[in-house]
C-alpha atoms as a PDB file:
ATOM      1  CA  MET A   1      70.640 -53.556  32.138  1.00  0.00           C
ATOM      2  CA  ASP A   2      68.545 -52.404  29.191  1.00  0.00           C
ATOM      3  CA  THR A   3      68.231 -48.640  28.695  1.00  0.00           C
ATOM      4  CA  THR A   4      65.340 -46.522  27.259  1.00  0.00           C
ATOM      5  CA  GLU A   5      66.045 -43.370  25.277  1.00  0.00           C
ATOM      6  CA  VAL A   6      63.342 -40.717  24.777  1.00  0.00           C
ATOM      7  CA  THR A   7      63.786 -38.073  22.057  1.00  0.00           C
ATOM      8  CA  THR A   8      61.289 -35.288  21.339  1.00  0.00           C
ATOM      9  CA  MET A   9      60.867 -34.888  17.557  1.00  0.00           C
ATOM     10  CA  THR A  10      58.174 -32.164  17.360  1.00  0.00           C
ATOM     11  CA  THR A  11      55.939 -30.306  19.735  1.00  0.00           C
ATOM     12  CA  THR A  12      52.990 -32.565  18.918  1.00  0.00           C
ATOM     13  CA  GLU A  13      54.517 -36.049  18.655  1.00  0.00           C
ATOM     14  CA  ARG A  14      57.158 -38.205  20.395  1.00  0.00           C
ATOM     15  CA  THR A  15      59.381 -41.046  19.226  1.00  0.00           C
ATOM     16  CA  VAL A  16      60.035 -43.717  21.831  1.00  0.00           C
ATOM     17  CA  THR A  17      62.813 -46.254  21.384  1.00  0.00           C
ATOM     18  CA  ASP A  18      62.221 -49.411  23.396  1.00  0.00           C
ATOM     19  CA  ASN A  19      64.255 -52.555  22.765  1.00  0.00           C
ATOM     20  CA  ASN A  20      64.897 -51.515  19.170  1.00  0.00           C
ATOM     21  CA  ASN A  21      61.110 -50.941  18.570  1.00  0.00           C
ATOM     22  CA  ILE A  22      60.134 -47.413  17.482  1.00  0.00           C
ATOM     23  CA  LEU A  23      56.646 -46.103  18.384  1.00  0.00           C
ATOM     24  CA  THR A  24      55.098 -42.737  17.498  1.00  0.00           C
ATOM     25  CA  THR A  25      52.374 -41.371  19.766  1.00  0.00           C
ATOM     26  CA  GLN A  26      50.243 -38.192  19.985  1.00  0.00           C
ATOM     27  CA  SER A  27      48.085 -36.993  22.811  1.00  0.00           C
ATOM     28  CA  SER A  28      44.303 -37.086  22.318  1.00  0.00           C
ATOM     29  CA  ALA A  29      43.920 -33.409  23.305  1.00  0.00           C
ATOM     30  CA  GLU A  30      46.485 -32.364  20.673  1.00  0.00           C
ATOM     31  CA  SER A  31      44.739 -34.533  18.056  1.00  0.00           C
ATOM     32  CA  GLN A  32      41.326 -32.977  18.758  1.00  0.00           C
ATOM     33  CA  SER A  33      42.748 -29.488  18.512  1.00  0.00           C
ATOM     34  CA  THR A  34      44.315 -30.213  15.123  1.00  0.00           C
ATOM     35  CA  SER A  35      41.095 -31.851  13.859  1.00  0.00           C
ATOM     36  CA  MET A  36      38.861 -28.877  14.826  1.00  0.00           C
ATOM     37  CA  THR A  37      41.271 -26.413  13.249  1.00  0.00           C
ATOM     38  CA  THR A  38      41.226 -28.349   9.993  1.00  0.00           C
ATOM     39  CA  LEU A  39      37.394 -28.524   9.986  1.00  0.00           C
ATOM     40  CA  ARG A  40      36.955 -24.785  10.395  1.00  0.00           C
ATOM     41  CA  ALA A  41      39.524 -24.057   7.718  1.00  0.00           C
ATOM     42  CA  ASP A  42      37.890 -26.390   5.191  1.00  0.00           C
ATOM     43  CA  LYS A  43      34.149 -25.629   5.777  1.00  0.00           C
ATOM     44  CA  LYS A  44      32.572 -22.216   6.448  1.00  0.00           C
ATOM     45  CA  LEU A  45      29.562 -21.914   8.711  1.00  0.00           C
ATOM     46  CA  THR A  46      26.174 -21.350   7.062  1.00  0.00           C
ATOM     47  CA  ILE A  47      23.145 -19.203   7.940  1.00  0.00           C
ATOM     48  CA  ASN A  48      22.039 -19.180  11.608  1.00  0.00           C
ATOM     49  CA  SER A  49      25.141 -21.107  12.776  1.00  0.00           C
ATOM     50  CA  THR A  50      26.831 -19.993  15.990  1.00  0.00           C
ATOM     51  CA  CYS A  51      30.087 -18.168  15.391  1.00  0.00           C
ATOM     52  CA  GLU A  52      32.898 -16.255  17.049  1.00  0.00           C
ATOM     53  CA  ASN A  53      33.877 -13.991  14.162  1.00  0.00           C
ATOM     54  CA  THR A  54      32.786 -13.169  10.585  1.00  0.00           C
ATOM     55  CA  ASN A  55      35.688 -15.094   9.018  1.00  0.00           C
ATOM     56  CA  GLU A  56      33.997 -18.320  10.109  1.00  0.00           C
ATOM     57  CA  CYS A  57      30.793 -17.525   8.157  1.00  0.00           C
ATOM     58  CA  SER A  58      30.191 -18.282   4.478  1.00  0.00           C
ATOM     59  CA  GLY A  59      28.427 -16.545   1.582  1.00  0.00           C
ATOM     60  CA  LYS A  60      28.814 -12.912   2.692  1.00  0.00           C
ATOM     61  CA  LEU A  61      27.320 -13.728   6.075  1.00  0.00           C
ATOM     62  CA  LEU A  62      28.319 -11.640   9.056  1.00  0.00           C
ATOM     63  CA  CYS A  63      28.805 -12.875  12.603  1.00  0.00           C
ATOM     64  CA  ILE A  64      26.228 -10.741  14.434  1.00  0.00           C
ATOM     65  CA  ASP A  65      25.485 -11.442  18.094  1.00  0.00           C
ATOM     66  CA  GLY A  66      27.236 -14.828  17.783  1.00  0.00           C
ATOM     67  CA  ILE A  67      25.092 -15.945  14.801  1.00  0.00           C
ATOM     68  CA  CYS A  68      26.005 -16.103  11.098  1.00  0.00           C
ATOM     69  CA  GLN A  69      23.403 -13.898   9.352  1.00  0.00           C
ATOM     70  CA  CYS A  70      22.883 -11.430   6.523  1.00  0.00           C
ATOM     71  CA  CYS A  71      23.025  -7.718   7.246  1.00  0.00           C
ATOM     72  CA  LYS A  72      19.788  -5.703   7.333  1.00  0.00           C
ATOM     73  CA  GLN A  73      19.255  -4.962   3.617  1.00  0.00           C
ATOM     74  CA  PHE A  74      20.277  -8.438   2.429  1.00  0.00           C
ATOM     75  CA  VAL A  75      18.504 -11.819   2.424  1.00  0.00           C
ATOM     76  CA  TRP A  76      19.788 -15.405   2.253  1.00  0.00           C
ATOM     77  CA  ASN A  77      18.954 -17.070  -1.092  1.00  0.00           C
ATOM     78  CA  GLY A  78      20.154 -20.520  -0.070  1.00  0.00           C
ATOM     79  CA  THR A  79      23.747 -19.930  -1.106  1.00  0.00           C
ATOM     80  CA  ILE A  80      24.773 -16.349  -0.378  1.00  0.00           C
ATOM     81  CA  CYS A  81      23.352 -13.083   0.934  1.00  0.00           C
ATOM     82  CA  VAL A  82      21.774 -11.013  -1.853  1.00  0.00           C
ATOM     83  CA  LYS A  83      20.422  -7.459  -1.706  1.00  0.00           C
ATOM     84  CA  LYS A  84      16.701  -7.144  -0.987  1.00  0.00           C
ATOM     85  CA  LYS A  85      14.596  -6.033  -3.940  1.00  0.00           C
ATOM     86  CA  GLU A  86      13.414  -2.480  -4.405  1.00  0.00           C
ATOM     87  CA  MET A  87       9.953  -1.071  -5.127  1.00  0.00           C
ATOM     88  CA  GLY A  88       8.388  -2.539  -8.287  1.00  0.00           C
ATOM     89  CA  LYS A  89      10.802  -5.457  -8.695  1.00  0.00           C
ATOM     90  CA  THR A  90       9.438  -8.944  -9.386  1.00  0.00           C
ATOM     91  CA  CYS A  91       9.231 -11.309  -6.401  1.00  0.00           C
ATOM     92  CA  THR A  92       7.810 -14.605  -5.193  1.00  0.00           C
ATOM     93  CA  ASP A  93       7.831 -13.898  -1.450  1.00  0.00           C
ATOM     94  CA  SER A  94       7.805 -10.774   0.730  1.00  0.00           C
ATOM     95  CA  VAL A  95      11.091 -11.821   2.375  1.00  0.00           C
ATOM     96  CA  GLU A  96      12.817 -10.941  -0.916  1.00  0.00           C
ATOM     97  CA  CYS A  97      11.639  -7.308  -0.734  1.00  0.00           C
ATOM     98  CA  GLN A  98      13.026  -4.392   1.254  1.00  0.00           C
ATOM     99  CA  ASP A  99      11.812  -4.268   4.835  1.00  0.00           C
ATOM    100  CA  ASP A 100       8.838  -1.923   4.329  1.00  0.00           C
ATOM    101  CA  LEU A 101       7.637  -3.635   1.111  1.00  0.00           C
ATOM    102  CA  ASN A 102       5.459  -6.697   0.532  1.00  0.00           C
ATOM    103  CA  CYS A 103       5.281  -9.056  -2.432  1.00  0.00           C
ATOM    104  CA  ILE A 104       1.864  -8.176  -3.911  1.00  0.00           C
ATOM    105  CA  ASN A 105       0.844  -9.579  -7.305  1.00  0.00           C
ATOM    106  CA  SER A 106       4.455 -10.717  -7.837  1.00  0.00           C
ATOM    107  CA  ARG A 107       5.832  -7.191  -7.311  1.00  0.00           C
ATOM    108  CA  CYS A 108       7.518  -5.589  -4.320  1.00  0.00           C
ATOM    109  CA  SER A 109       4.925  -3.003  -3.300  1.00  0.00           C
ATOM    110  CA  CYS A 110       3.584  -0.941  -0.434  1.00  0.00           C
ATOM    111  CA  ASN A 111       0.541  -2.382   1.295  1.00  0.00           C
ATOM    112  CA  ARG A 112      -2.890  -0.805   0.997  1.00  0.00           C
ATOM    113  CA  SER A 113      -2.519   1.471   3.999  1.00  0.00           C
ATOM    114  CA  THR A 114       0.716   3.063   2.724  1.00  0.00           C
ATOM    115  CA  TYR A 115       2.092   4.659  -0.450  1.00  0.00           C
ATOM    116  CA  TRP A 116       5.577   4.980  -1.981  1.00  0.00           C
ATOM    117  CA  ASN A 117       6.958   8.492  -1.405  1.00  0.00           C
ATOM    118  CA  GLY A 118      10.091   7.902  -3.482  1.00  0.00           C
ATOM    119  CA  ILE A 119      12.149   6.676  -0.538  1.00  0.00           C
ATOM    120  CA  ARG A 120       9.958   4.382   1.532  1.00  0.00           C
ATOM    121  CA  CYS A 121       6.367   3.341   2.211  1.00  0.00           C
ATOM    122  CA  ALA A 122       4.652   6.162   4.086  1.00  0.00           C
ATOM    123  CA  ARG A 123       1.365   5.926   5.932  1.00  0.00           C
ATOM    124  CA  LYS A 124      -1.601   6.998   3.826  1.00  0.00           C
ATOM    125  CA  LEU A 125      -3.746   9.836   5.044  1.00  0.00           C
ATOM    126  CA  PRO A 126      -7.537   9.332   4.923  1.00  0.00           C
ATOM    127  CA  SER A 127      -8.711   9.661   1.313  1.00  0.00           C
ATOM    128  CA  GLU A 128     -12.426   9.209   2.047  1.00  0.00           C
ATOM    129  CA  CYS A 129     -14.794   8.526   4.928  1.00  0.00           C
ATOM    130  CA  GLU A 130     -13.996   4.800   4.800  1.00  0.00           C
ATOM    131  CA  ASP A 131     -10.557   5.670   6.221  1.00  0.00           C
ATOM    132  CA  ILE A 132     -11.890   7.671   9.177  1.00  0.00           C
ATOM    133  CA  SER A 133     -11.718   5.832  12.503  1.00  0.00           C
ATOM    134  CA  SER A 134     -14.656   7.699  14.053  1.00  0.00           C
ATOM    135  CA  ASP A 135     -18.182   6.226  14.043  1.00  0.00           C
ATOM    136  CA  LYS A 136     -19.969   9.585  14.251  1.00  0.00           C
ATOM    137  CA  ASP A 137     -21.566  11.405  11.297  1.00  0.00           C
ATOM    138  CA  GLY A 138     -20.019  14.767  10.556  1.00  0.00           C
ATOM    139  CA  VAL A 139     -17.491  16.857   8.645  1.00  0.00           C
ATOM    140  CA  TYR A 140     -13.962  15.471   8.265  1.00  0.00           C
ATOM    141  CA  LEU A 141     -10.776  16.462   6.455  1.00  0.00           C
ATOM    142  CA  VAL A 142      -9.556  14.011   3.786  1.00  0.00           C
ATOM    143  CA  TYR A 143      -6.809  13.829   1.171  1.00  0.00           C
ATOM    144  CA  PRO A 144      -8.292  12.342  -2.056  1.00  0.00           C
ATOM    145  CA  LYS A 145      -4.906  10.911  -3.137  1.00  0.00           C
ATOM    146  CA  GLY A 146      -3.996   9.794   0.380  1.00  0.00           C
ATOM    147  CA  LYS A 147      -0.754  11.803   0.378  1.00  0.00           C
ATOM    148  CA  ILE A 148       0.363  14.775   2.443  1.00  0.00           C
ATOM    149  CA  THR A 149       1.229  16.594  -0.794  1.00  0.00           C
ATOM    150  CA  SER A 150      -2.208  16.055  -2.354  1.00  0.00           C
ATOM    151  CA  ARG A 151      -5.128  18.476  -2.223  1.00  0.00           C
ATOM    152  CA  LYS A 152      -7.112  18.309   1.000  1.00  0.00           C
ATOM    153  CA  ILE A 153     -10.856  18.845   1.231  1.00  0.00           C
ATOM    154  CA  PHE A 154     -13.629  18.735   3.801  1.00  0.00           C
ATOM    155  CA  VAL A 155     -16.322  16.097   3.311  1.00  0.00           C
ATOM    156  CA  TYR A 156     -19.464  15.054   5.115  1.00  0.00           C
ATOM    157  CA  CYS A 157     -19.359  11.452   6.326  1.00  0.00           C
ATOM    158  CA  ILE A 158     -22.304   9.225   7.161  1.00  0.00           C
ATOM    159  CA  MET A 159     -21.200   6.349   9.373  1.00  0.00           C
ATOM    160  CA  SER A 160     -23.699   3.513   9.042  1.00  0.00           C
ATOM    161  CA  GLY A 161     -22.440   0.567  11.097  1.00  0.00           C
ATOM    162  CA  ASN A 162     -19.446  -0.952   9.334  1.00  0.00           C
ATOM    163  CA  LYS A 163     -20.185   1.045   6.172  1.00  0.00           C
ATOM    164  CA  LYS A 164     -18.855   4.576   5.963  1.00  0.00           C
ATOM    165  CA  TRP A 165     -20.165   6.820   3.193  1.00  0.00           C
ATOM    166  CA  THR A 166     -18.736   9.995   1.650  1.00  0.00           C
ATOM    167  CA  VAL A 167     -21.480  12.431   0.613  1.00  0.00           C
ATOM    168  CA  ILE A 168     -20.806  13.953  -2.834  1.00  0.00           C
ATOM    169  CA  GLN A 169     -24.192  15.660  -3.334  1.00  0.00           C
ATOM    170  CA  LYS A 170     -26.942  16.911  -1.075  1.00  0.00           C
ATOM    171  CA  ARG A 171     -30.126  18.847  -1.857  1.00  0.00           C
ATOM    172  CA  THR A 172     -32.818  19.656   0.661  1.00  0.00           C
ATOM    173  CA  ASP A 173     -34.458  23.036   0.079  1.00  0.00           C
ATOM    174  CA  GLY A 174     -33.407  24.639  -3.195  1.00  0.00           C
ATOM    175  CA  SER A 175     -31.252  27.284  -1.511  1.00  0.00           C
ATOM    176  CA  MET A 176     -28.222  26.301  -3.635  1.00  0.00           C
ATOM    177  CA  ASP A 177     -28.326  26.780  -7.411  1.00  0.00           C
ATOM    178  CA  PHE A 178     -26.970  23.706  -9.241  1.00  0.00           C
ATOM    179  CA  TYR A 179     -27.161  25.187 -12.751  1.00  0.00           C
ATOM    180  CA  ARG A 180     -23.442  25.924 -12.891  1.00  0.00           C
ATOM    181  CA  THR A 181     -20.368  25.800 -15.122  1.00  0.00           C
ATOM    182  CA  TRP A 182     -18.052  22.827 -15.602  1.00  0.00           C
ATOM    183  CA  SER A 183     -15.321  24.614 -13.608  1.00  0.00           C
ATOM    184  CA  GLU A 184     -17.665  25.151 -10.661  1.00  0.00           C
ATOM    185  CA  TYR A 185     -18.658  21.493 -10.639  1.00  0.00           C
ATOM    186  CA  SER A 186     -14.997  20.491 -10.906  1.00  0.00           C
ATOM    187  CA  ASN A 187     -14.055  22.585  -7.858  1.00  0.00           C
ATOM    188  CA  GLY A 188     -17.228  21.852  -5.907  1.00  0.00           C
ATOM    189  CA  PHE A 189     -19.618  24.363  -4.326  1.00  0.00           C
ATOM    190  CA  GLY A 190     -21.771  24.864  -1.253  1.00  0.00           C
ATOM    191  CA  ARG A 191     -21.135  23.859   2.358  1.00  0.00           C
ATOM    192  CA  VAL A 192     -20.571  20.147   2.962  1.00  0.00           C
ATOM    193  CA  ASP A 193     -22.877  20.216   5.992  1.00  0.00           C
ATOM    194  CA  LYS A 194     -25.677  21.719   3.869  1.00  0.00           C
ATOM    195  CA  ASP A 195     -26.704  21.596   0.196  1.00  0.00           C
ATOM    196  CA  HIS A 196     -23.548  21.080  -1.856  1.00  0.00           C
ATOM    197  CA  TRP A 197     -21.691  19.321  -4.652  1.00  0.00           C
ATOM    198  CA  LEU A 198     -18.285  17.713  -3.977  1.00  0.00           C
ATOM    199  CA  GLY A 199     -15.899  18.371  -6.893  1.00  0.00           C
ATOM    200  CA  ASP A 200     -14.371  14.913  -6.736  1.00  0.00           C
ATOM    201  CA  GLY A 201     -17.840  13.461  -7.298  1.00  0.00           C
ATOM    202  CA  MET A 202     -17.323  13.965 -11.036  1.00  0.00           C
ATOM    203  CA  ASP A 203     -14.887  11.051 -11.032  1.00  0.00           C
ATOM    204  CA  TYR A 204     -17.664   8.533 -10.360  1.00  0.00           C
ATOM    205  CA  HIS A 205     -19.135   8.365 -13.828  1.00  0.00           C
ATOM    206  CA  ASN A 206     -19.283   4.738 -14.975  1.00  0.00           C
ATOM    207  CA  SER A 207     -17.409   5.664 -18.180  1.00  0.00           C
ATOM    208  CA  LYS A 208     -19.756   8.569 -19.057  1.00  0.00           C
ATOM    209  CA  SER A 209     -18.715  12.217 -19.477  1.00  0.00           C
ATOM    210  CA  PHE A 210     -20.008  14.963 -17.210  1.00  0.00           C
ATOM    211  CA  TYR A 211     -21.763  17.856 -18.979  1.00  0.00           C
ATOM    212  CA  THR A 212     -22.678  21.370 -17.872  1.00  0.00           C
ATOM    213  CA  LYS A 213     -24.306  24.448 -19.432  1.00  0.00           C
ATOM    214  CA  ASP A 214     -20.960  25.718 -20.772  1.00  0.00           C
ATOM    215  CA  ARG A 215     -19.651  22.289 -21.799  1.00  0.00           C
ATOM    216  CA  ASP A 216     -22.699  20.484 -23.099  1.00  0.00           C
ATOM    217  CA  ASN A 217     -23.081  17.333 -25.187  1.00  0.00           C
ATOM    218  CA  LYS A 218     -24.349  17.243 -28.773  1.00  0.00           C
ATOM    219  CA  ASN A 219     -27.923  16.834 -27.593  1.00  0.00           C
ATOM    220  CA  GLY A 220     -27.811  19.969 -25.452  1.00  0.00           C
ATOM    221  CA  CYS A 221     -28.928  18.008 -22.410  1.00  0.00           C
ATOM    222  CA  ALA A 222     -27.368  20.238 -19.732  1.00  0.00           C
ATOM    223  CA  VAL A 223     -29.163  23.339 -21.030  1.00  0.00           C
ATOM    224  CA  ASN A 224     -32.444  21.578 -21.845  1.00  0.00           C
ATOM    225  CA  ARG A 225     -32.560  19.827 -18.442  1.00  0.00           C
ATOM    226  CA  HIS A 226     -31.189  22.833 -16.544  1.00  0.00           C
ATOM    227  CA  GLY A 227     -28.458  20.943 -14.691  1.00  0.00           C
ATOM    228  CA  GLY A 228     -25.054  19.270 -14.651  1.00  0.00           C
ATOM    229  CA  TRP A 229     -24.915  15.488 -15.081  1.00  0.00           C
ATOM    230  CA  TRP A 230     -23.541  12.452 -16.885  1.00  0.00           C
ATOM    231  CA  TYR A 231     -25.990  13.009 -19.699  1.00  0.00           C
ATOM    232  CA  ASP A 232     -26.402  10.677 -22.620  1.00  0.00           C
ATOM    233  CA  ASN A 233     -29.674  11.003 -24.557  1.00  0.00           C
ATOM    234  CA  CYS A 234     -30.560  12.738 -22.348  1.00  0.00           C
ATOM    235  CA  TYR A 235     -30.981  11.043 -18.963  1.00  0.00           C
ATOM    236  CA  LEU A 236     -32.650   8.543 -16.712  1.00  0.00           C
ATOM    237  CA  ALA A 237     -31.792  10.734 -13.741  1.00  0.00           C
ATOM    238  CA  ASN A 238     -31.216  14.444 -13.252  1.00  0.00           C
ATOM    239  CA  LEU A 239     -30.521  15.015  -9.568  1.00  0.00           C
ATOM    240  CA  ASN A 240     -28.704  18.289 -10.280  1.00  0.00           C
ATOM    241  CA  GLY A 241     -31.644  19.792 -12.161  1.00  0.00           C
ATOM    242  CA  ARG A 242     -33.826  22.748 -11.157  1.00  0.00           C
ATOM    243  CA  TYR A 243     -35.317  22.428  -7.677  1.00  0.00           C
ATOM    244  CA  ASN A 244     -39.112  22.083  -8.010  1.00  0.00           C
ATOM    245  CA  GLY A 245     -38.514  22.173 -11.729  1.00  0.00           C
ATOM    246  CA  THR A 246     -41.254  21.228 -14.146  1.00  0.00           C
ATOM    247  CA  ILE A 247     -41.557  21.377 -17.930  1.00  0.00           C
ATOM    248  CA  ASN A 248     -39.621  24.228 -19.564  1.00  0.00           C
ATOM    249  CA  GLU A 249     -40.532  26.217 -22.646  1.00  0.00           C
ATOM    250  CA  SER A 250     -39.047  23.487 -24.832  1.00  0.00           C
ATOM    251  CA  GLY A 251     -41.276  20.848 -23.264  1.00  0.00           C
ATOM    252  CA  LYS A 252     -38.382  19.252 -21.328  1.00  0.00           C
ATOM    253  CA  TYR A 253     -38.565  18.140 -17.704  1.00  0.00           C
ATOM    254  CA  THR A 254     -35.993  20.072 -15.674  1.00  0.00           C
ATOM    255  CA  GLY A 255     -36.589  18.892 -12.112  1.00  0.00           C
ATOM    256  CA  LEU A 256     -34.776  16.523  -9.744  1.00  0.00           C
ATOM    257  CA  VAL A 257     -35.927  13.297 -11.339  1.00  0.00           C
ATOM    258  CA  TRP A 258     -35.119   9.594 -11.083  1.00  0.00           C
ATOM    259  CA  CYS A 259     -37.114   8.124 -13.915  1.00  0.00           C
ATOM    260  CA  LYS A 260     -37.053   4.473 -12.886  1.00  0.00           C
ATOM    261  CA  TRP A 261     -38.510   5.370  -9.508  1.00  0.00           C
ATOM    262  CA  LYS A 262     -40.809   8.395  -9.779  1.00  0.00           C
ATOM    263  CA  ARG A 263     -40.741   9.049 -13.515  1.00  0.00           C
ATOM    264  CA  ASP A 264     -40.775  12.845 -14.053  1.00  0.00           C
ATOM    265  CA  TYR A 265     -41.790  13.773 -10.504  1.00  0.00           C
ATOM    266  CA  SER A 266     -39.366  16.383  -9.081  1.00  0.00           C
ATOM    267  CA  LEU A 267     -37.959  15.059  -5.804  1.00  0.00           C
ATOM    268  CA  LYS A 268     -37.922  17.172  -2.645  1.00  0.00           C
ATOM    269  CA  ALA A 269     -34.522  15.982  -1.419  1.00  0.00           C
ATOM    270  CA  THR A 270     -31.594  13.980  -2.735  1.00  0.00           C
ATOM    271  CA  LEU A 271     -28.412  12.560  -1.270  1.00  0.00           C
ATOM    272  CA  MET A 272     -25.591  10.947  -3.262  1.00  0.00           C
ATOM    273  CA  MET A 273     -22.970   8.917  -1.372  1.00  0.00           C
ATOM    274  CA  ILE A 274     -19.990   6.775  -2.356  1.00  0.00           C
ATOM    275  CA  ARG A 275     -17.821   4.242  -0.597  1.00  0.00           C
ATOM    276  CA  ARG A 276     -14.922   1.958  -1.497  1.00  0.00           C
ATOM    277  CA  LYS A 277     -15.838  -1.555  -2.630  1.00  0.00           C
END
């Protein structure tokens, strides 16, 4: 009678001798296990692939919540995780920038409603009436630079529909003298709910210098017109002139005038307002 001899050669394969014919076989389950192990050893998992541990992920990816992904301050560039760009660095997309920055004009920057405080983008404080959420006219506190560390001032706001105006000058009855020094104009004077001048109003000059009685231009306009203004030679307007002013001893008009409207007629009331474009 013929006999069959079975000899185990390794743990994964068997050699069977049958009538002098030698066959080598391997179970399908063992084959699949070996194949999967080889695949994971040869090829790392890429971004957003499911994973069991970080060693399976490629390109500095971490296995977080079962997914290969970059850590918080890094972004995938198509090959590896790279550090997100800091404030002021060049960029092509906001995803390249740190989490609180946006790619604006090809630079990682804070958006309009925030400012860079040296560490992160912080929420801007209202810098003018345009930033006030209320729709009621009245006095409000603003920070001209939009930062908690900047100077804060009270302003009078006129809310006209979707347009919100910051009043920088108001004259109604002549109770407030506007013939003042450059320092007084720079700091502002009067009450913002009555006749007043807002110091920051001097910044809105259309490239012209502001002149006063103690810092006049070569034509002596501030003294001759009895006011403080962006004088040239000498003016087409003089809304900070003498209230009810007329012609002085030098033959110069000193009143609150707007030449293109009422020529040299001294106006009874004026209101100057600004708003962001």
